[in-house]
PDB file of N, CA and C in Angstrom:
ATOM      1  N   MET A   1       8.366  30.764  -0.076  1.00  0.00           N
ATOM      2  CA  MET A   1       6.985  31.490   0.483  1.00  0.00           C
ATOM      3  C   MET A   1       6.173  31.762  -0.619  1.00  0.00           C
ATOM      4  N   MET A   2       4.827  31.642  -0.275  1.00  0.00           N
ATOM      5  CA  MET A   2       3.747  31.790  -1.388  1.00  0.00           C
ATOM      6  C   MET A   2       3.503  33.285  -1.475  1.00  0.00           C
ATOM      7  N   ASN A   3       3.272  33.591  -2.666  1.00  0.00           N
ATOM      8  CA  ASN A   3       2.866  34.960  -3.059  1.00  0.00           C
ATOM      9  C   ASN A   3       1.417  35.317  -2.748  1.00  0.00           C
ATOM     10  N   ASP A   4       0.852  36.609  -2.695  1.00  0.00           N
ATOM     11  CA  ASP A   4      -0.370  36.861  -2.554  1.00  0.00           C
ATOM     12  C   ASP A   4      -1.378  36.512  -3.674  1.00  0.00           C
ATOM     13  N   ALA A   5      -0.845  36.275  -4.901  1.00  0.00           N
ATOM     14  CA  ALA A   5      -1.598  35.765  -5.921  1.00  0.00           C
ATOM     15  C   ALA A   5      -2.107  34.548  -5.717  1.00  0.00           C
ATOM     16  N   PHE A   6      -0.961  33.553  -5.410  1.00  0.00           N
ATOM     17  CA  PHE A   6      -1.162  32.129  -5.108  1.00  0.00           C
ATOM     18  C   PHE A   6      -2.279  31.935  -4.059  1.00  0.00           C
ATOM     19  N   LEU A   7      -2.125  32.869  -3.015  1.00  0.00           N
ATOM     20  CA  LEU A   7      -3.212  32.722  -1.937  1.00  0.00           C
ATOM     21  C   LEU A   7      -4.655  32.876  -2.162  1.00  0.00           C
ATOM     22  N   GLY A   8      -4.551  33.883  -3.087  1.00  0.00           N
ATOM     23  CA  GLY A   8      -6.024  34.468  -3.461  1.00  0.00           C
ATOM     24  C   GLY A   8      -6.641  33.466  -4.583  1.00  0.00           C
ATOM     25  N   THR A   9      -5.764  32.696  -4.980  1.00  0.00           N
ATOM     26  CA  THR A   9      -6.538  31.480  -6.007  1.00  0.00           C
ATOM     27  C   THR A   9      -6.909  30.551  -5.100  1.00  0.00           C
ATOM     28  N   THR A  10      -6.340  30.129  -3.866  1.00  0.00           N
ATOM     29  CA  THR A  10      -6.817  29.238  -3.098  1.00  0.00           C
ATOM     30  C   THR A  10      -7.644  29.609  -2.100  1.00  0.00           C
ATOM     31  N   ARG A  11      -8.043  30.680  -2.142  1.00  0.00           N
ATOM     32  CA  ARG A  11      -9.014  31.295  -0.939  1.00  0.00           C
ATOM     33  C   ARG A  11     -10.219  30.433  -0.727  1.00  0.00           C
ATOM     34  N   ASN A  12     -10.943  29.800  -1.925  1.00  0.00           N
ATOM     35  CA  ASN A  12     -12.305  29.102  -1.704  1.00  0.00           C
ATOM     36  C   ASN A  12     -11.647  27.494  -1.489  1.00  0.00           C
ATOM     37  N   LEU A  13     -10.588  27.167  -1.444  1.00  0.00           N
ATOM     38  CA  LEU A  13     -10.222  25.659  -0.786  1.00  0.00           C
ATOM     39  C   LEU A  13     -10.145  25.585   0.424  1.00  0.00           C
ATOM     40  N   ASP A  14     -10.354  24.293   0.917  1.00  0.00           N
ATOM     41  CA  ASP A  14     -10.444  23.987   2.268  1.00  0.00           C
ATOM     42  C   ASP A  14      -8.910  23.855   2.684  1.00  0.00           C
ATOM     43  N   LEU A  15      -8.431  23.654   3.749  1.00  0.00           N
ATOM     44  CA  LEU A  15      -7.118  23.674   4.188  1.00  0.00           C
ATOM     45  C   LEU A  15      -6.413  22.186   3.659  1.00  0.00           C
ATOM     46  N   ARG A  16      -7.172  21.173   3.778  1.00  0.00           N
ATOM     47  CA  ARG A  16      -6.523  20.007   2.995  1.00  0.00           C
ATOM     48  C   ARG A  16      -6.211  20.208   1.676  1.00  0.00           C
ATOM     49  N   GLN A  17      -7.182  20.819   0.974  1.00  0.00           N
ATOM     50  CA  GLN A  17      -6.807  20.857  -0.706  1.00  0.00           C
ATOM     51  C   GLN A  17      -5.815  21.916  -0.805  1.00  0.00           C
ATOM     52  N   ARG A  18      -5.641  23.051  -0.001  1.00  0.00           N
ATOM     53  CA  ARG A  18      -4.553  24.003  -0.082  1.00  0.00           C
ATOM     54  C   ARG A  18      -3.109  23.097   0.169  1.00  0.00           C
ATOM     55  N   GLN A  19      -2.805  22.357   1.327  1.00  0.00           N
ATOM     56  CA  GLN A  19      -1.682  21.745   1.552  1.00  0.00           C
ATOM     57  C   GLN A  19      -1.543  20.669   0.439  1.00  0.00           C
ATOM     58  N   GLU A  20      -2.550  20.136  -0.300  1.00  0.00           N
ATOM     59  CA  GLU A  20      -2.013  18.892  -1.384  1.00  0.00           C
ATOM     60  C   GLU A  20      -1.732  20.071  -2.419  1.00  0.00           C
ATOM     61  N   LEU A  21      -2.280  21.092  -2.818  1.00  0.00           N
ATOM     62  CA  LEU A  21      -1.843  21.839  -3.969  1.00  0.00           C
ATOM     63  C   LEU A  21      -0.477  22.263  -3.597  1.00  0.00           C
ATOM     64  N   THR A  22      -0.205  22.769  -2.414  1.00  0.00           N
ATOM     65  CA  THR A  22       1.246  23.415  -2.092  1.00  0.00           C
ATOM     66  C   THR A  22       2.199  22.342  -2.374  1.00  0.00           C
ATOM     67  N   THR A  23       1.884  21.037  -1.808  1.00  0.00           N
ATOM     68  CA  THR A  23       2.741  19.849  -1.867  1.00  0.00           C
ATOM     69  C   THR A  23       3.259  19.495  -3.417  1.00  0.00           C
ATOM     70  N   THR A  24       2.000  19.590  -4.145  1.00  0.00           N
ATOM     71  CA  THR A  24       2.263  19.317  -5.513  1.00  0.00           C
ATOM     72  C   THR A  24       3.101  20.212  -6.282  1.00  0.00           C
ATOM     73  N   MET A  25       2.786  21.622  -5.852  1.00  0.00           N
ATOM     74  CA  MET A  25       3.617  22.530  -6.535  1.00  0.00           C
ATOM     75  C   MET A  25       4.998  22.621  -6.097  1.00  0.00           C
ATOM     76  N   THR A  26       5.299  22.169  -4.971  1.00  0.00           N
ATOM     77  CA  THR A  26       6.634  22.434  -4.229  1.00  0.00           C
ATOM     78  C   THR A  26       7.481  20.899  -4.526  1.00  0.00           C
ATOM     79  N   THR A  27       6.837  19.843  -5.129  1.00  0.00           N
ATOM     80  CA  THR A  27       7.446  18.748  -5.256  1.00  0.00           C
ATOM     81  C   THR A  27       8.080  18.849  -6.400  1.00  0.00           C
ATOM     82  N   THR A  28       9.489  18.114  -6.218  1.00  0.00           N
ATOM     83  CA  THR A  28      10.583  18.081  -7.341  1.00  0.00           C
ATOM     84  C   THR A  28      10.095  17.323  -8.490  1.00  0.00           C
ATOM     85  N   THR A  29      10.749  17.485  -9.931  1.00  0.00           N
ATOM     86  CA  THR A  29      10.297  16.606 -10.840  1.00  0.00           C
ATOM     87  C   THR A  29      10.816  15.158 -10.516  1.00  0.00           C
ATOM     88  N   HIS A  30      11.805  15.056  -9.850  1.00  0.00           N
ATOM     89  CA  HIS A  30      12.385  13.536  -9.774  1.00  0.00           C
ATOM     90  C   HIS A  30      11.402  12.774  -8.758  1.00  0.00           C
ATOM     91  N   GLU A  31      10.671  13.709  -7.694  1.00  0.00           N
ATOM     92  CA  GLU A  31      10.020  12.947  -6.966  1.00  0.00           C
ATOM     93  C   GLU A  31       8.350  12.508  -7.575  1.00  0.00           C
ATOM     94  N   LYS A  32       8.085  13.428  -8.624  1.00  0.00           N
ATOM     95  CA  LYS A  32       7.113  13.219  -9.278  1.00  0.00           C
ATOM     96  C   LYS A  32       6.995  11.789 -10.117  1.00  0.00           C
ATOM     97  N   GLU A  33       8.208  11.605 -10.697  1.00  0.00           N
ATOM     98  CA  GLU A  33       8.556  10.512 -11.628  1.00  0.00           C
ATOM     99  C   GLU A  33       8.367   9.155 -10.934  1.00  0.00           C
ATOM    100  N   LYS A  34       8.577   9.306  -9.643  1.00  0.00           N
ATOM    101  CA  LYS A  34       8.757   8.055  -8.857  1.00  0.00           C
ATOM    102  C   LYS A  34       7.713   8.033  -7.720  1.00  0.00           C
ATOM    103  N   PRO A  35       6.288   7.617  -8.147  1.00  0.00           N
ATOM    104  CA  PRO A  35       5.490   7.663  -6.924  1.00  0.00           C
ATOM    105  C   PRO A  35       5.534   6.313  -6.191  1.00  0.00           C
ATOM    106  N   GLU A  36       5.134   6.297  -5.100  1.00  0.00           N
ATOM    107  CA  GLU A  36       5.255   5.165  -4.227  1.00  0.00           C
ATOM    108  C   GLU A  36       3.938   4.144  -4.477  1.00  0.00           C
ATOM    109  N   LEU A  37       3.293   4.427  -5.700  1.00  0.00           N
ATOM    110  CA  LEU A  37       2.127   3.571  -5.933  1.00  0.00           C
ATOM    111  C   LEU A  37       2.665   1.927  -6.092  1.00  0.00           C
ATOM    112  N   TYR A  38       3.680   1.948  -6.383  1.00  0.00           N
ATOM    113  CA  TYR A  38       4.182   0.434  -6.886  1.00  0.00           C
ATOM    114  C   TYR A  38       5.472  -0.119  -5.960  1.00  0.00           C
ATOM    115  N   LYS A  39       5.335  -1.251  -5.201  1.00  0.00           N
ATOM    116  CA  LYS A  39       6.169  -1.712  -4.305  1.00  0.00           C
ATOM    117  C   LYS A  39       6.971  -2.640  -5.143  1.00  0.00           C
ATOM    118  N   SER A  40       8.275  -2.882  -5.080  1.00  0.00           N
ATOM    119  CA  SER A  40       8.965  -4.053  -5.543  1.00  0.00           C
ATOM    120  C   SER A  40       8.766  -5.155  -4.701  1.00  0.00           C
ATOM    121  N   VAL A  41       9.489  -6.420  -5.139  1.00  0.00           N
ATOM    122  CA  VAL A  41       9.183  -7.525  -4.482  1.00  0.00           C
ATOM    123  C   VAL A  41       9.916  -7.461  -2.978  1.00  0.00           C
ATOM    124  N   LYS A  42      11.060  -6.748  -3.041  1.00  0.00           N
ATOM    125  CA  LYS A  42      11.762  -6.455  -1.818  1.00  0.00           C
ATOM    126  C   LYS A  42      11.017  -5.552  -0.837  1.00  0.00           C
ATOM    127  N   GLN A  43      10.426  -4.384  -1.308  1.00  0.00           N
ATOM    128  CA  GLN A  43       9.549  -3.471  -0.513  1.00  0.00           C
ATOM    129  C   GLN A  43       8.486  -4.487  -0.107  1.00  0.00           C
ATOM    130  N   ALA A  44       7.593  -5.185  -0.661  1.00  0.00           N
ATOM    131  CA  ALA A  44       6.569  -6.004  -0.222  1.00  0.00           C
ATOM    132  C   ALA A  44       6.863  -7.028   0.662  1.00  0.00           C
ATOM    133  N   ALA A  45       8.027  -7.698   0.685  1.00  0.00           N
ATOM    134  CA  ALA A  45       8.587  -8.515   1.531  1.00  0.00           C
ATOM    135  C   ALA A  45       9.000  -7.863   2.821  1.00  0.00           C
ATOM    136  N   GLU A  46       9.501  -6.740   2.889  1.00  0.00           N
ATOM    137  CA  GLU A  46       9.692  -5.829   4.003  1.00  0.00           C
ATOM    138  C   GLU A  46       8.335  -5.427   4.735  1.00  0.00           C
ATOM    139  N   LEU A  47       7.239  -5.031   3.892  1.00  0.00           N
ATOM    140  CA  LEU A  47       6.165  -4.778   4.374  1.00  0.00           C
ATOM    141  C   LEU A  47       5.491  -5.851   5.148  1.00  0.00           C
ATOM    142  N   PHE A  48       5.336  -7.123   4.519  1.00  0.00           N
ATOM    143  CA  PHE A  48       4.839  -8.379   4.973  1.00  0.00           C
ATOM    144  C   PHE A  48       5.686  -8.943   6.232  1.00  0.00           C
ATOM    145  N   GLN A  49       6.899  -8.566   6.165  1.00  0.00           N
ATOM    146  CA  GLN A  49       8.035  -9.127   7.125  1.00  0.00           C
ATOM    147  C   GLN A  49       8.174 -10.516   6.738  1.00  0.00           C
ATOM    148  N   VAL A  50       8.529 -10.894   5.675  1.00  0.00           N
ATOM    149  CA  VAL A  50       8.842 -12.213   5.023  1.00  0.00           C
ATOM    150  C   VAL A  50      10.033 -12.075   4.145  1.00  0.00           C
ATOM    151  N   SER A  51      10.159 -13.205   3.805  1.00  0.00           N
ATOM    152  CA  SER A  51      11.471 -12.989   2.672  1.00  0.00           C
ATOM    153  C   SER A  51      10.910 -12.751   1.206  1.00  0.00           C
ATOM    154  N   GLU A  52      11.974 -12.347   0.451  1.00  0.00           N
ATOM    155  CA  GLU A  52      11.571 -12.048  -1.099  1.00  0.00           C
ATOM    156  C   GLU A  52      11.119 -13.311  -1.519  1.00  0.00           C
ATOM    157  N   HIS A  53      11.432 -14.602  -1.348  1.00  0.00           N
ATOM    158  CA  HIS A  53      11.178 -15.844  -1.779  1.00  0.00           C
ATOM    159  C   HIS A  53       9.868 -16.086  -1.385  1.00  0.00           C
ATOM    160  N   VAL A  54       9.116 -15.706  -0.248  1.00  0.00           N
ATOM    161  CA  VAL A  54       7.714 -15.836  -0.114  1.00  0.00           C
ATOM    162  C   VAL A  54       6.893 -15.105  -0.952  1.00  0.00           C
ATOM    163  N   VAL A  55       7.341 -13.767  -1.257  1.00  0.00           N
ATOM    164  CA  VAL A  55       6.662 -12.737  -2.102  1.00  0.00           C
ATOM    165  C   VAL A  55       6.627 -13.397  -3.407  1.00  0.00           C
ATOM    166  N   ARG A  56       7.713 -13.756  -3.981  1.00  0.00           N
ATOM    167  CA  ARG A  56       7.768 -14.370  -5.303  1.00  0.00           C
ATOM    168  C   ARG A  56       6.811 -15.545  -5.355  1.00  0.00           C
ATOM    169  N   ARG A  57       6.948 -16.324  -4.520  1.00  0.00           N
ATOM    170  CA  ARG A  57       5.976 -17.575  -4.488  1.00  0.00           C
ATOM    171  C   ARG A  57       4.496 -17.191  -4.618  1.00  0.00           C
ATOM    172  N   LEU A  58       4.249 -16.205  -3.785  1.00  0.00           N
ATOM    173  CA  LEU A  58       2.853 -15.780  -3.765  1.00  0.00           C
ATOM    174  C   LEU A  58       2.347 -15.267  -5.126  1.00  0.00           C
ATOM    175  N   VAL A  59       3.233 -14.632  -5.990  1.00  0.00           N
ATOM    176  CA  VAL A  59       3.220 -13.803  -7.035  1.00  0.00           C
ATOM    177  C   VAL A  59       2.812 -14.927  -8.132  1.00  0.00           C
ATOM    178  N   ASN A  60       3.908 -15.902  -8.051  1.00  0.00           N
ATOM    179  CA  ASN A  60       4.130 -17.035  -9.001  1.00  0.00           C
ATOM    180  C   ASN A  60       2.558 -17.885  -9.082  1.00  0.00           C
ATOM    181  N   SER A  61       2.164 -17.951  -7.756  1.00  0.00           N
ATOM    182  CA  SER A  61       1.001 -18.879  -7.794  1.00  0.00           C
ATOM    183  C   SER A  61      -0.214 -18.135  -7.993  1.00  0.00           C
ATOM    184  N   GLY A  62      -0.255 -16.809  -8.289  1.00  0.00           N
ATOM    185  CA  GLY A  62      -1.384 -16.189  -8.398  1.00  0.00           C
ATOM    186  C   GLY A  62      -2.090 -15.626  -7.194  1.00  0.00           C
ATOM    187  N   LYS A  63      -1.645 -15.914  -6.120  1.00  0.00           N
ATOM    188  CA  LYS A  63      -2.275 -15.468  -4.801  1.00  0.00           C
ATOM    189  C   LYS A  63      -2.236 -13.864  -4.442  1.00  0.00           C
ATOM    190  N   LEU A  64      -1.224 -13.387  -4.934  1.00  0.00           N
ATOM    191  CA  LEU A  64      -0.848 -11.983  -4.874  1.00  0.00           C
ATOM    192  C   LEU A  64      -0.718 -11.188  -6.171  1.00  0.00           C
ATOM    193  N   GLY A  65      -1.682 -10.414  -6.402  1.00  0.00           N
ATOM    194  CA  GLY A  65      -1.857  -9.757  -7.752  1.00  0.00           C
ATOM    195  C   GLY A  65      -0.505  -8.766  -7.799  1.00  0.00           C
ATOM    196  N   HIS A  66      -0.300  -8.725  -9.116  1.00  0.00           N
ATOM    197  CA  HIS A  66       0.843  -7.850  -9.527  1.00  0.00           C
ATOM    198  C   HIS A  66       0.793  -7.591 -10.699  1.00  0.00           C
ATOM    199  N   TYR A  67       1.967  -6.465 -11.342  1.00  0.00           N
ATOM    200  CA  TYR A  67       2.030  -6.117 -12.638  1.00  0.00           C
ATOM    201  C   TYR A  67       3.422  -6.586 -12.954  1.00  0.00           C
ATOM    202  N   ARG A  68       3.668  -7.104 -14.155  1.00  0.00           N
ATOM    203  CA  ARG A  68       4.842  -7.294 -14.684  1.00  0.00           C
ATOM    204  C   ARG A  68       5.528  -6.215 -15.658  1.00  0.00           C
ATOM    205  N   ILE A  69       6.499  -5.614 -15.330  1.00  0.00           N
ATOM    206  CA  ILE A  69       7.057  -4.722 -16.410  1.00  0.00           C
ATOM    207  C   ILE A  69       8.430  -5.157 -16.777  1.00  0.00           C
ATOM    208  N   GLY A  70       8.505  -5.624 -17.854  1.00  0.00           N
ATOM    209  CA  GLY A  70       9.823  -6.361 -18.225  1.00  0.00           C
ATOM    210  C   GLY A  70      10.088  -7.474 -17.344  1.00  0.00           C
ATOM    211  N   ASN A  71      10.996  -7.597 -16.898  1.00  0.00           N
ATOM    212  CA  ASN A  71      11.365  -8.572 -15.768  1.00  0.00           C
ATOM    213  C   ASN A  71      11.012  -8.189 -14.209  1.00  0.00           C
ATOM    214  N   ALA A  72      10.696  -6.914 -14.243  1.00  0.00           N
ATOM    215  CA  ALA A  72      10.374  -6.357 -12.964  1.00  0.00           C
ATOM    216  C   ALA A  72       8.796  -6.541 -12.594  1.00  0.00           C
ATOM    217  N   ILE A  73       8.665  -7.025 -11.162  1.00  0.00           N
ATOM    218  CA  ILE A  73       7.452  -7.288 -10.709  1.00  0.00           C
ATOM    219  C   ILE A  73       7.174  -6.049  -9.645  1.00  0.00           C
ATOM    220  N   ARG A  74       5.824  -5.536 -10.042  1.00  0.00           N
ATOM    221  CA  ARG A  74       5.284  -4.330  -9.108  1.00  0.00           C
ATOM    222  C   ARG A  74       4.019  -4.686  -8.539  1.00  0.00           C
ATOM    223  N   ILE A  75       3.879  -4.565  -7.288  1.00  0.00           N
ATOM    224  CA  ILE A  75       2.663  -4.685  -6.547  1.00  0.00           C
ATOM    225  C   ILE A  75       2.056  -3.482  -5.973  1.00  0.00           C
ATOM    226  N   THR A  76       0.970  -3.334  -6.169  1.00  0.00           N
ATOM    227  CA  THR A  76       0.258  -2.032  -5.627  1.00  0.00           C
ATOM    228  C   THR A  76      -0.266  -2.239  -4.289  1.00  0.00           C
ATOM    229  N   GLY A  77      -0.821  -1.121  -3.527  1.00  0.00           N
ATOM    230  CA  GLY A  77      -1.323  -1.324  -2.499  1.00  0.00           C
ATOM    231  C   GLY A  77      -2.532  -1.752  -2.424  1.00  0.00           C
ATOM    232  N   LYS A  78      -3.355  -1.889  -3.614  1.00  0.00           N
ATOM    233  CA  LYS A  78      -4.796  -2.645  -3.634  1.00  0.00           C
ATOM    234  C   LYS A  78      -4.220  -3.955  -3.806  1.00  0.00           C
ATOM    235  N   HIS A  79      -3.273  -4.379  -4.444  1.00  0.00           N
ATOM    236  CA  HIS A  79      -3.013  -6.057  -4.474  1.00  0.00           C
ATOM    237  C   HIS A  79      -2.797  -6.373  -3.081  1.00  0.00           C
ATOM    238  N   ILE A  80      -2.012  -5.509  -2.384  1.00  0.00           N
ATOM    239  CA  ILE A  80      -1.327  -6.029  -0.850  1.00  0.00           C
ATOM    240  C   ILE A  80      -2.999  -6.075  -0.050  1.00  0.00           C
ATOM    241  N   ASP A  81      -3.725  -5.085  -0.184  1.00  0.00           N
ATOM    242  CA  ASP A  81      -5.003  -4.945   0.429  1.00  0.00           C
ATOM    243  C   ASP A  81      -5.770  -6.246   0.213  1.00  0.00           C
ATOM    244  N   GLU A  82      -5.974  -6.575  -1.081  1.00  0.00           N
ATOM    245  CA  GLU A  82      -6.974  -7.784  -1.580  1.00  0.00           C
ATOM    246  C   GLU A  82      -6.230  -8.896  -0.996  1.00  0.00           C
ATOM    247  N   TYR A  83      -5.051  -9.050  -1.019  1.00  0.00           N
ATOM    248  CA  TYR A  83      -4.543 -10.271  -0.412  1.00  0.00           C
ATOM    249  C   TYR A  83      -4.569 -10.496   1.011  1.00  0.00           C
ATOM    250  N   LEU A  84      -4.413  -9.274   1.922  1.00  0.00           N
ATOM    251  CA  LEU A  84      -4.635  -9.269   3.311  1.00  0.00           C
ATOM    252  C   LEU A  84      -6.086  -9.527   3.688  1.00  0.00           C
ATOM    253  N   GLN A  85      -7.182  -9.073   2.901  1.00  0.00           N
ATOM    254  CA  GLN A  85      -8.612  -9.479   3.236  1.00  0.00           C
ATOM    255  C   GLN A  85      -8.846 -10.792   2.910  1.00  0.00           C
ATOM    256  N   ALA A  86      -8.215 -11.158   1.724  1.00  0.00           N
ATOM    257  CA  ALA A  86      -8.520 -12.727   1.408  1.00  0.00           C
ATOM    258  C   ALA A  86      -8.078 -13.585   2.347  1.00  0.00           C
ATOM    259  N   HIS A  87      -7.003 -13.270   2.964  1.00  0.00           N
ATOM    260  CA  HIS A  87      -6.221 -14.321   4.111  1.00  0.00           C
ATOM    261  C   HIS A  87      -6.220 -13.758   5.366  1.00  0.00           C
ATOM    262  N   ALA A  88      -7.052 -12.997   5.963  1.00  0.00           N
ATOM    263  CA  ALA A  88      -7.405 -12.479   7.278  1.00  0.00           C
ATOM    264  C   ALA A  88      -7.769 -13.702   7.994  1.00  0.00           C
ATOM    265  N   THR A  89      -7.436 -13.844   9.232  1.00  0.00           N
ATOM    266  CA  THR A  89      -7.907 -14.706  10.281  1.00  0.00           C
ATOM    267  C   THR A  89      -9.063 -14.007  10.935  1.00  0.00           C
ATOM    268  N   PRO A  90     -10.399 -14.754  10.863  1.00  0.00           N
ATOM    269  CA  PRO A  90     -11.467 -14.245  11.325  1.00  0.00           C
ATOM    270  C   PRO A  90     -11.226 -13.982  13.073  1.00  0.00           C
ATOM    271  N   LYS A  91     -11.716 -12.910  13.679  1.00  0.00           N
ATOM    272  CA  LYS A  91     -11.657 -12.747  15.015  1.00  0.00           C
ATOM    273  C   LYS A  91     -12.716 -13.727  15.686  1.00  0.00           C
ATOM    274  N   ILE A  92     -12.163 -14.370  16.576  1.00  0.00           N
ATOM    275  CA  ILE A  92     -13.091 -15.143  17.668  1.00  0.00           C
ATOM    276  C   ILE A  92     -13.197 -14.403  18.924  1.00  0.00           C
ATOM    277  N   ASP A  93     -14.628 -14.202  19.227  1.00  0.00           N
ATOM    278  CA  ASP A  93     -14.907 -13.510  20.267  1.00  0.00           C
ATOM    279  C   ASP A  93     -14.938 -14.428  21.548  1.00  0.00           C
ATOM    280  N   SER A  94     -15.093 -15.727  21.399  1.00  0.00           N
ATOM    281  CA  SER A  94     -14.807 -16.553  22.552  1.00  0.00           C
ATOM    282  C   SER A  94     -14.635 -18.045  22.164  1.00  0.00           C
ATOM    283  N   LEU A  95     -13.627 -18.733  22.645  1.00  0.00           N
ATOM    284  CA  LEU A  95     -13.493 -20.086  22.100  1.00  0.00           C
ATOM    285  C   LEU A  95     -14.433 -20.916  22.745  1.00  0.00           C
ATOM    286  N   PRO A  96     -14.818 -22.074  22.073  1.00  0.00           N
ATOM    287  CA  PRO A  96     -15.779 -22.962  22.643  1.00  0.00           C
ATOM    288  C   PRO A  96     -15.090 -23.944  23.642  1.00  0.00           C
ATOM    289  N   GLU A  97     -16.017 -24.352  24.571  1.00  0.00           N
ATOM    290  CA  GLU A  97     -15.319 -25.079  25.659  1.00  0.00           C
ATOM    291  C   GLU A  97     -14.769 -26.407  25.199  1.00  0.00           C
ATOM    292  N   PRO A  98     -13.517 -26.914  25.567  1.00  0.00           N
ATOM    293  CA  PRO A  98     -12.946 -27.975  25.040  1.00  0.00           C
ATOM    294  C   PRO A  98     -13.795 -29.381  25.561  1.00  0.00           C
ATOM    295  N   GLU A  99     -13.762 -30.371  24.667  1.00  0.00           N
ATOM    296  CA  GLU A  99     -14.449 -31.669  25.081  1.00  0.00           C
ATOM    297  C   GLU A  99     -13.593 -32.142  25.982  1.00  0.00           C
ATOM    298  N   GLU A 100     -14.084 -33.106  26.675  1.00  0.00           N
ATOM    299  CA  GLU A 100     -13.392 -33.881  27.880  1.00  0.00           C
ATOM    300  C   GLU A 100     -13.046 -34.886  26.911  1.00  0.00           C
ATOM    301  N   ILE A 101     -11.511 -35.125  27.252  1.00  0.00           N
ATOM    302  CA  ILE A 101     -10.798 -36.044  26.426  1.00  0.00           C
ATOM    303  C   ILE A 101     -10.717 -37.496  27.238  1.00  0.00           C
ATOM    304  N   HIS A 102     -11.060 -38.367  26.523  1.00  0.00           N
ATOM    305  CA  HIS A 102     -11.154 -39.965  27.292  1.00  0.00           C
ATOM    306  C   HIS A 102      -9.906 -40.725  26.871  1.00  0.00           C
ATOM    307  N   PHE A 103      -9.203 -41.427  27.650  1.00  0.00           N
ATOM    308  CA  PHE A 103      -8.057 -42.192  26.896  1.00  0.00           C
ATOM    309  C   PHE A 103      -8.525 -43.624  27.158  1.00  0.00           C
TER     310      PHE A 103
END
């Protein structure tokens, strides 16, 4: 439970800022050491719902940005967003009329 001194120092913060501060103060050291900023190949594959082989192929071809830390490949949310935006299928409002087929 938060004491009155803590609440007094947060009085000028909005609710979201207080929640973030409270979360930061109550997070264990182990949780702070392992932020979810970086995804492994396995996690990225699960996110894309493809095999790890597909993710490795995208990384090795340079299509999916990444960091190498030793032998480990780490992919950030920014890398994933950039890949998805670059490979998004444009929305089609209406399909053109098919041409008449002559045999």
